[in-house]
PDB file of all heavy atoms in Angstrom:
ATOM      1  N   ARG A   1     -17.715 -51.178 -26.148  1.00  0.00           N
ATOM      2  CA  ARG A   1     -18.662 -50.426 -27.005  1.00  0.00           C
ATOM      3  C   ARG A   1     -18.623 -50.871 -28.423  1.00  0.00           C
ATOM      4  O   ARG A   1     -17.550 -51.275 -28.922  1.00  0.00           O
ATOM      5  CB  ARG A   1     -18.444 -48.978 -26.881  1.00  0.00           C
ATOM      6  CG  ARG A   1     -17.198 -48.453 -27.483  1.00  0.00           C
ATOM      7  CD  ARG A   1     -16.984 -46.972 -27.286  1.00  0.00           C
ATOM      8  NE  ARG A   1     -16.849 -46.669 -25.902  1.00  0.00           N
ATOM      9  CZ  ARG A   1     -16.936 -45.453 -25.359  1.00  0.00           C
ATOM     10  NH1 ARG A   1     -17.063 -44.399 -26.156  1.00  0.00           N
ATOM     11  NH2 ARG A   1     -16.733 -45.255 -24.092  1.00  0.00           N
ATOM     12  N   PRO A   2     -19.770 -50.834 -29.161  1.00  0.00           N
ATOM     13  CA  PRO A   2     -19.745 -51.272 -30.536  1.00  0.00           C
ATOM     14  C   PRO A   2     -19.114 -50.234 -31.486  1.00  0.00           C
ATOM     15  O   PRO A   2     -19.055 -49.050 -31.115  1.00  0.00           O
ATOM     16  CB  PRO A   2     -21.258 -51.407 -30.881  1.00  0.00           C
ATOM     17  CG  PRO A   2     -21.892 -50.491 -29.968  1.00  0.00           C
ATOM     18  CD  PRO A   2     -21.088 -50.407 -28.676  1.00  0.00           C
ATOM     19  N   HIS A   3     -18.682 -50.669 -32.595  1.00  0.00           N
ATOM     20  CA  HIS A   3     -18.194 -49.730 -33.652  1.00  0.00           C
ATOM     21  C   HIS A   3     -19.362 -48.996 -34.259  1.00  0.00           C
ATOM     22  O   HIS A   3     -20.460 -49.569 -34.338  1.00  0.00           O
ATOM     23  CB  HIS A   3     -17.369 -50.490 -34.710  1.00  0.00           C
ATOM     24  CG  HIS A   3     -16.048 -50.900 -34.276  1.00  0.00           C
ATOM     25  ND1 HIS A   3     -14.899 -50.269 -34.618  1.00  0.00           N
ATOM     26  CD2 HIS A   3     -15.644 -51.808 -33.414  1.00  0.00           C
ATOM     27  CE1 HIS A   3     -13.879 -50.810 -34.098  1.00  0.00           C
ATOM     28  NE2 HIS A   3     -14.279 -51.827 -33.312  1.00  0.00           N
ATOM     29  N   PRO A   4     -19.128 -47.816 -34.720  1.00  0.00           N
ATOM     30  CA  PRO A   4     -20.242 -47.050 -35.329  1.00  0.00           C
ATOM     31  C   PRO A   4     -20.646 -47.655 -36.673  1.00  0.00           C
ATOM     32  O   PRO A   4     -19.925 -48.478 -37.261  1.00  0.00           O
ATOM     33  CB  PRO A   4     -19.621 -45.617 -35.587  1.00  0.00           C
ATOM     34  CG  PRO A   4     -18.181 -45.721 -35.335  1.00  0.00           C
ATOM     35  CD  PRO A   4     -17.922 -47.022 -34.634  1.00  0.00           C
ATOM     36  N   PRO A   5     -21.823 -47.272 -37.189  1.00  0.00           N
ATOM     37  CA  PRO A   5     -22.244 -47.852 -38.486  1.00  0.00           C
ATOM     38  C   PRO A   5     -21.330 -47.380 -39.603  1.00  0.00           C
ATOM     39  O   PRO A   5     -20.563 -46.428 -39.537  1.00  0.00           O
ATOM     40  CB  PRO A   5     -23.689 -47.242 -38.699  1.00  0.00           C
ATOM     41  CG  PRO A   5     -23.757 -46.098 -37.801  1.00  0.00           C
ATOM     42  CD  PRO A   5     -22.782 -46.384 -36.665  1.00  0.00           C
ATOM     43  N   ALA A   6     -21.341 -48.097 -40.688  1.00  0.00           N
ATOM     44  CA  ALA A   6     -20.470 -47.875 -41.796  1.00  0.00           C
ATOM     45  C   ALA A   6     -20.530 -46.478 -42.355  1.00  0.00           C
ATOM     46  O   ALA A   6     -19.485 -45.878 -42.856  1.00  0.00           O
ATOM     47  CB  ALA A   6     -20.813 -48.920 -42.975  1.00  0.00           C
ATOM     48  N   GLU A   7     -21.715 -45.844 -42.364  1.00  0.00           N
ATOM     49  CA  GLU A   7     -21.831 -44.483 -42.889  1.00  0.00           C
ATOM     50  C   GLU A   7     -21.389 -43.367 -41.889  1.00  0.00           C
ATOM     51  O   GLU A   7     -21.453 -42.172 -42.277  1.00  0.00           O
ATOM     52  CB  GLU A   7     -23.258 -44.208 -43.358  1.00  0.00           C
ATOM     53  CG  GLU A   7     -24.312 -44.294 -42.295  1.00  0.00           C
ATOM     54  CD  GLU A   7     -24.798 -45.696 -41.996  1.00  0.00           C
ATOM     55  OE1 GLU A   7     -24.365 -46.646 -42.643  1.00  0.00           O
ATOM     56  OE2 GLU A   7     -25.613 -45.761 -41.076  1.00  0.00           O
ATOM     57  N   ALA A   8     -20.922 -43.737 -40.741  1.00  0.00           N
ATOM     58  CA  ALA A   8     -20.445 -42.735 -39.824  1.00  0.00           C
ATOM     59  C   ALA A   8     -19.158 -42.039 -40.296  1.00  0.00           C
ATOM     60  O   ALA A   8     -18.470 -42.611 -41.094  1.00  0.00           O
ATOM     61  CB  ALA A   8     -20.260 -43.383 -38.446  1.00  0.00           C
ATOM     62  N   MET A   9     -18.899 -40.923 -39.682  1.00  0.00           N
ATOM     63  CA  MET A   9     -17.728 -40.140 -40.081  1.00  0.00           C
ATOM     64  C   MET A   9     -16.376 -40.957 -39.942  1.00  0.00           C
ATOM     65  O   MET A   9     -16.179 -41.668 -39.000  1.00  0.00           O
ATOM     66  CB  MET A   9     -17.672 -38.899 -39.243  1.00  0.00           C
ATOM     67  CG  MET A   9     -16.456 -38.007 -39.600  1.00  0.00           C
ATOM     68  SD  MET A   9     -16.385 -36.494 -38.571  1.00  0.00           S
ATOM     69  CE  MET A   9     -15.777 -37.160 -37.031  1.00  0.00           C
ATOM     70  N   HIS A  10     -15.576 -40.806 -41.006  1.00  0.00           N
ATOM     71  CA  HIS A  10     -14.237 -41.474 -40.909  1.00  0.00           C
ATOM     72  C   HIS A  10     -13.237 -40.407 -40.554  1.00  0.00           C
ATOM     73  O   HIS A  10     -13.253 -39.225 -41.016  1.00  0.00           O
ATOM     74  CB  HIS A  10     -13.877 -42.043 -42.315  1.00  0.00           C
ATOM     75  CG  HIS A  10     -14.593 -43.308 -42.614  1.00  0.00           C
ATOM     76  ND1 HIS A  10     -15.998 -43.459 -42.513  1.00  0.00           N
ATOM     77  CD2 HIS A  10     -14.165 -44.506 -43.081  1.00  0.00           C
ATOM     78  CE1 HIS A  10     -16.367 -44.664 -42.810  1.00  0.00           C
ATOM     79  NE2 HIS A  10     -15.255 -45.344 -43.226  1.00  0.00           N
ATOM     80  N   THR A  11     -12.216 -40.748 -39.800  1.00  0.00           N
ATOM     81  CA  THR A  11     -11.177 -39.829 -39.365  1.00  0.00           C
ATOM     82  C   THR A  11      -9.830 -40.437 -39.661  1.00  0.00           C
ATOM     83  O   THR A  11      -9.714 -41.595 -40.039  1.00  0.00           O
ATOM     84  CB  THR A  11     -11.242 -39.563 -37.818  1.00  0.00           C
ATOM     85  OG1 THR A  11     -10.961 -40.770 -37.170  1.00  0.00           O
ATOM     86  CG2 THR A  11     -12.619 -38.938 -37.467  1.00  0.00           C
ATOM     87  N   PHE A  12      -8.724 -39.684 -39.588  1.00  0.00           N
ATOM     88  CA  PHE A  12      -7.412 -40.181 -39.871  1.00  0.00           C
ATOM     89  C   PHE A  12      -6.954 -41.222 -38.783  1.00  0.00           C
ATOM     90  O   PHE A  12      -6.330 -42.182 -39.121  1.00  0.00           O
ATOM     91  CB  PHE A  12      -6.323 -39.070 -39.916  1.00  0.00           C
ATOM     92  CG  PHE A  12      -6.492 -38.267 -41.188  1.00  0.00           C
ATOM     93  CD1 PHE A  12      -6.924 -36.961 -41.088  1.00  0.00           C
ATOM     94  CD2 PHE A  12      -6.275 -38.838 -42.423  1.00  0.00           C
ATOM     95  CE1 PHE A  12      -7.051 -36.185 -42.303  1.00  0.00           C
ATOM     96  CE2 PHE A  12      -6.349 -38.086 -43.550  1.00  0.00           C
ATOM     97  CZ  PHE A  12      -6.792 -36.812 -43.483  1.00  0.00           C
ATOM     98  N   THR A  13      -7.425 -41.152 -37.591  1.00  0.00           N
ATOM     99  CA  THR A  13      -7.044 -42.130 -36.584  1.00  0.00           C
ATOM    100  C   THR A  13      -8.058 -43.214 -36.495  1.00  0.00           C
ATOM    101  O   THR A  13      -7.817 -44.249 -35.880  1.00  0.00           O
ATOM    102  CB  THR A  13      -6.873 -41.491 -35.221  1.00  0.00           C
ATOM    103  OG1 THR A  13      -8.042 -40.747 -34.936  1.00  0.00           O
ATOM    104  CG2 THR A  13      -5.651 -40.589 -35.204  1.00  0.00           C
ATOM    105  N   GLY A  14      -9.236 -43.077 -37.059  1.00  0.00           N
ATOM    106  CA  GLY A  14     -10.242 -44.113 -37.033  1.00  0.00           C
ATOM    107  C   GLY A  14     -10.954 -44.286 -35.688  1.00  0.00           C
ATOM    108  O   GLY A  14     -10.785 -43.457 -34.770  1.00  0.00           O
ATOM    109  N   PHE A  15     -11.689 -45.434 -35.543  1.00  0.00           N
ATOM    110  CA  PHE A  15     -12.345 -45.705 -34.301  1.00  0.00           C
ATOM    111  C   PHE A  15     -11.793 -47.054 -33.832  1.00  0.00           C
ATOM    112  O   PHE A  15     -11.853 -48.076 -34.581  1.00  0.00           O
ATOM    113  CB  PHE A  15     -13.864 -45.793 -34.498  1.00  0.00           C
ATOM    114  CG  PHE A  15     -14.619 -46.102 -33.263  1.00  0.00           C
ATOM    115  CD1 PHE A  15     -15.052 -45.054 -32.406  1.00  0.00           C
ATOM    116  CD2 PHE A  15     -14.924 -47.431 -32.913  1.00  0.00           C
ATOM    117  CE1 PHE A  15     -15.717 -45.316 -31.242  1.00  0.00           C
ATOM    118  CE2 PHE A  15     -15.601 -47.677 -31.730  1.00  0.00           C
ATOM    119  CZ  PHE A  15     -16.029 -46.608 -30.887  1.00  0.00           C
ATOM    120  N   SER A  16     -11.224 -47.072 -32.638  1.00  0.00           N
ATOM    121  CA  SER A  16     -10.533 -48.357 -32.135  1.00  0.00           C
ATOM    122  C   SER A  16     -11.123 -48.875 -30.902  1.00  0.00           C
ATOM    123  O   SER A  16     -11.487 -48.103 -29.979  1.00  0.00           O
ATOM    124  CB  SER A  16      -9.076 -47.992 -31.888  1.00  0.00           C
ATOM    125  OG  SER A  16      -8.375 -47.644 -33.047  1.00  0.00           O
ATOM    126  N   THR A  17     -11.330 -50.171 -30.880  1.00  0.00           N
ATOM    127  CA  THR A  17     -11.654 -50.890 -29.667  1.00  0.00           C
ATOM    128  C   THR A  17     -10.643 -51.928 -29.375  1.00  0.00           C
ATOM    129  O   THR A  17      -9.997 -52.384 -30.313  1.00  0.00           O
ATOM    130  CB  THR A  17     -13.055 -51.576 -29.822  1.00  0.00           C
ATOM    131  OG1 THR A  17     -13.021 -52.473 -30.917  1.00  0.00           O
ATOM    132  CG2 THR A  17     -14.177 -50.625 -29.963  1.00  0.00           C
ATOM    133  N   GLY A  18     -10.448 -52.334 -28.102  1.00  0.00           N
ATOM    134  CA  GLY A  18      -9.444 -53.267 -27.812  1.00  0.00           C
ATOM    135  C   GLY A  18      -9.861 -54.234 -26.645  1.00  0.00           C
ATOM    136  O   GLY A  18     -10.791 -53.979 -26.001  1.00  0.00           O
ATOM    137  N   HIS A  19      -9.032 -55.277 -26.585  1.00  0.00           N
ATOM    138  CA  HIS A  19      -9.197 -56.205 -25.455  1.00  0.00           C
ATOM    139  C   HIS A  19      -7.801 -56.884 -25.278  1.00  0.00           C
ATOM    140  O   HIS A  19      -6.940 -56.836 -26.141  1.00  0.00           O
ATOM    141  CB  HIS A  19     -10.235 -57.266 -25.762  1.00  0.00           C
ATOM    142  CG  HIS A  19      -9.952 -58.199 -26.829  1.00  0.00           C
ATOM    143  ND1 HIS A  19     -10.174 -57.824 -28.165  1.00  0.00           N
ATOM    144  CD2 HIS A  19      -9.403 -59.421 -26.848  1.00  0.00           C
ATOM    145  CE1 HIS A  19      -9.811 -58.862 -28.951  1.00  0.00           C
ATOM    146  NE2 HIS A  19      -9.293 -59.850 -28.130  1.00  0.00           N
ATOM    147  N   TYR A  20      -7.676 -57.470 -24.083  1.00  0.00           N
ATOM    148  CA  TYR A  20      -6.453 -58.184 -23.827  1.00  0.00           C
ATOM    149  C   TYR A  20      -6.623 -59.641 -24.082  1.00  0.00           C
ATOM    150  O   TYR A  20      -7.585 -60.259 -23.730  1.00  0.00           O
ATOM    151  CB  TYR A  20      -5.989 -57.995 -22.343  1.00  0.00           C
ATOM    152  CG  TYR A  20      -5.335 -56.666 -22.145  1.00  0.00           C
ATOM    153  CD1 TYR A  20      -6.016 -55.570 -21.589  1.00  0.00           C
ATOM    154  CD2 TYR A  20      -4.049 -56.449 -22.506  1.00  0.00           C
ATOM    155  CE1 TYR A  20      -5.402 -54.342 -21.363  1.00  0.00           C
ATOM    156  CE2 TYR A  20      -3.375 -55.255 -22.281  1.00  0.00           C
ATOM    157  CZ  TYR A  20      -4.109 -54.214 -21.790  1.00  0.00           C
ATOM    158  OH  TYR A  20      -3.495 -53.019 -21.639  1.00  0.00           O
ATOM    159  N   ASP A  21      -5.601 -60.181 -24.747  1.00  0.00           N
ATOM    160  CA  ASP A  21      -5.522 -61.659 -24.951  1.00  0.00           C
ATOM    161  C   ASP A  21      -4.222 -62.105 -24.288  1.00  0.00           C
ATOM    162  O   ASP A  21      -3.112 -61.958 -24.818  1.00  0.00           O
ATOM    163  CB  ASP A  21      -5.423 -61.962 -26.472  1.00  0.00           C
ATOM    164  CG  ASP A  21      -5.350 -63.417 -26.863  1.00  0.00           C
ATOM    165  OD1 ASP A  21      -5.598 -64.217 -25.869  1.00  0.00           O
ATOM    166  OD2 ASP A  21      -5.111 -63.746 -28.005  1.00  0.00           O
ATOM    167  N   GLY A  22      -4.392 -62.522 -23.016  1.00  0.00           N
ATOM    168  CA  GLY A  22      -3.204 -62.719 -22.170  1.00  0.00           C
ATOM    169  C   GLY A  22      -2.557 -61.408 -21.830  1.00  0.00           C
ATOM    170  O   GLY A  22      -3.205 -60.502 -21.324  1.00  0.00           O
ATOM    171  N   ASP A  23      -1.284 -61.242 -22.156  1.00  0.00           N
ATOM    172  CA  ASP A  23      -0.591 -60.005 -21.952  1.00  0.00           C
ATOM    173  C   ASP A  23      -0.559 -59.089 -23.183  1.00  0.00           C
ATOM    174  O   ASP A  23      -0.029 -58.006 -23.084  1.00  0.00           O
ATOM    175  CB  ASP A  23       0.857 -60.297 -21.593  1.00  0.00           C
ATOM    176  CG  ASP A  23       0.984 -60.859 -20.205  1.00  0.00           C
ATOM    177  OD1 ASP A  23       0.063 -60.709 -19.362  1.00  0.00           O
ATOM    178  OD2 ASP A  23       2.005 -61.497 -19.873  1.00  0.00           O
ATOM    179  N   ASN A  24      -1.261 -59.481 -24.265  1.00  0.00           N
ATOM    180  CA  ASN A  24      -1.193 -58.725 -25.508  1.00  0.00           C
ATOM    181  C   ASN A  24      -2.429 -57.906 -25.644  1.00  0.00           C
ATOM    182  O   ASN A  24      -3.561 -58.390 -25.460  1.00  0.00           O
ATOM    183  CB  ASN A  24      -1.113 -59.652 -26.718  1.00  0.00           C
ATOM    184  CG  ASN A  24       0.196 -60.416 -26.723  1.00  0.00           C
ATOM    185  OD1 ASN A  24       1.255 -59.912 -26.426  1.00  0.00           O
ATOM    186  ND2 ASN A  24       0.092 -61.678 -26.984  1.00  0.00           N
ATOM    187  N   LEU A  25      -2.304 -56.693 -26.038  1.00  0.00           N
ATOM    188  CA  LEU A  25      -3.443 -55.805 -26.300  1.00  0.00           C
ATOM    189  C   LEU A  25      -3.764 -55.992 -27.820  1.00  0.00           C
ATOM    190  O   LEU A  25      -2.929 -55.804 -28.649  1.00  0.00           O
ATOM    191  CB  LEU A  25      -3.069 -54.347 -26.096  1.00  0.00           C
ATOM    192  CG  LEU A  25      -4.129 -53.254 -26.485  1.00  0.00           C
ATOM    193  CD1 LEU A  25      -5.406 -53.458 -25.701  1.00  0.00           C
ATOM    194  CD2 LEU A  25      -3.549 -51.889 -26.206  1.00  0.00           C
ATOM    195  N   VAL A  26      -5.065 -56.428 -28.067  1.00  0.00           N
ATOM    196  CA  VAL A  26      -5.515 -56.632 -29.419  1.00  0.00           C
ATOM    197  C   VAL A  26      -6.441 -55.461 -29.777  1.00  0.00           C
ATOM    198  O   VAL A  26      -7.430 -55.205 -29.035  1.00  0.00           O
ATOM    199  CB  VAL A  26      -6.273 -57.965 -29.538  1.00  0.00           C
ATOM    200  CG1 VAL A  26      -6.738 -58.169 -30.927  1.00  0.00           C
ATOM    201  CG2 VAL A  26      -5.376 -59.153 -29.144  1.00  0.00           C
ATOM    202  N   VAL A  27      -6.140 -54.731 -30.822  1.00  0.00           N
ATOM    203  CA  VAL A  27      -6.902 -53.578 -31.211  1.00  0.00           C
ATOM    204  C   VAL A  27      -7.512 -53.758 -32.546  1.00  0.00           C
ATOM    205  O   VAL A  27      -6.847 -54.161 -33.563  1.00  0.00           O
ATOM    206  CB  VAL A  27      -6.044 -52.269 -31.167  1.00  0.00           C
ATOM    207  CG1 VAL A  27      -6.819 -51.056 -31.569  1.00  0.00           C
ATOM    208  CG2 VAL A  27      -5.419 -52.097 -29.840  1.00  0.00           C
ATOM    209  N   GLU A  28      -8.800 -53.403 -32.723  1.00  0.00           N
ATOM    210  CA  GLU A  28      -9.473 -53.415 -34.010  1.00  0.00           C
ATOM    211  C   GLU A  28      -9.827 -51.948 -34.355  1.00  0.00           C
ATOM    212  O   GLU A  28     -10.535 -51.297 -33.562  1.00  0.00           O
ATOM    213  CB  GLU A  28     -10.768 -54.259 -34.059  1.00  0.00           C
ATOM    214  CG  GLU A  28     -11.432 -54.315 -35.334  1.00  0.00           C
ATOM    215  CD  GLU A  28     -12.723 -54.971 -35.330  1.00  0.00           C
ATOM    216  OE1 GLU A  28     -13.066 -55.746 -34.410  1.00  0.00           O
ATOM    217  OE2 GLU A  28     -13.447 -54.893 -36.357  1.00  0.00           O
ATOM    218  N   THR A  29      -9.352 -51.517 -35.516  1.00  0.00           N
ATOM    219  CA  THR A  29      -9.684 -50.075 -35.933  1.00  0.00           C
ATOM    220  C   THR A  29     -10.445 -50.070 -37.174  1.00  0.00           C
ATOM    221  O   THR A  29     -10.032 -50.751 -38.070  1.00  0.00           O
ATOM    222  CB  THR A  29      -8.318 -49.283 -36.097  1.00  0.00           C
ATOM    223  OG1 THR A  29      -7.555 -49.335 -34.851  1.00  0.00           O
ATOM    224  CG2 THR A  29      -8.570 -47.936 -36.431  1.00  0.00           C
ATOM    225  N   THR A  30     -11.533 -49.299 -37.210  1.00  0.00           N
ATOM    226  CA  THR A  30     -12.310 -49.104 -38.411  1.00  0.00           C
ATOM    227  C   THR A  30     -12.488 -47.604 -38.620  1.00  0.00           C
ATOM    228  O   THR A  30     -12.017 -46.792 -37.777  1.00  0.00           O
ATOM    229  CB  THR A  30     -13.715 -49.745 -38.227  1.00  0.00           C
ATOM    230  OG1 THR A  30     -14.394 -49.138 -37.086  1.00  0.00           O
ATOM    231  CG2 THR A  30     -13.619 -51.239 -38.017  1.00  0.00           C
ATOM    232  N   HIS A  31     -13.113 -47.199 -39.680  1.00  0.00           N
ATOM    233  CA  HIS A  31     -13.453 -45.804 -39.888  1.00  0.00           C
ATOM    234  C   HIS A  31     -12.275 -44.870 -40.147  1.00  0.00           C
ATOM    235  O   HIS A  31     -12.280 -43.720 -39.685  1.00  0.00           O
ATOM    236  CB  HIS A  31     -14.377 -45.271 -38.855  1.00  0.00           C
ATOM    237  CG  HIS A  31     -15.744 -45.919 -38.875  1.00  0.00           C
ATOM    238  ND1 HIS A  31     -15.903 -47.190 -38.331  1.00  0.00           N
ATOM    239  CD2 HIS A  31     -16.941 -45.556 -39.392  1.00  0.00           C
ATOM    240  CE1 HIS A  31     -17.122 -47.544 -38.413  1.00  0.00           C
ATOM    241  NE2 HIS A  31     -17.814 -46.609 -39.103  1.00  0.00           N
ATOM    242  N   MET A  32     -11.210 -45.438 -40.753  1.00  0.00           N
ATOM    243  CA  MET A  32     -10.059 -44.601 -41.133  1.00  0.00           C
ATOM    244  C   MET A  32     -10.303 -44.008 -42.524  1.00  0.00           C
ATOM    245  O   MET A  32     -10.992 -44.634 -43.343  1.00  0.00           O
ATOM    246  CB  MET A  32      -8.779 -45.385 -41.210  1.00  0.00           C
ATOM    247  CG  MET A  32      -8.316 -45.868 -39.833  1.00  0.00           C
ATOM    248  SD  MET A  32      -6.576 -46.621 -39.961  1.00  0.00           S
ATOM    249  CE  MET A  32      -6.914 -47.995 -41.071  1.00  0.00           C
TER     250      MET A  32
END
């Protein structure tokens, strides 16, 4: 799923998406 637009609500935990690169979980977090 896409990250929300820049003006969307920010939270302390943010919005995170992830994928696996081999055995490693790669996470991108925005909106903190």
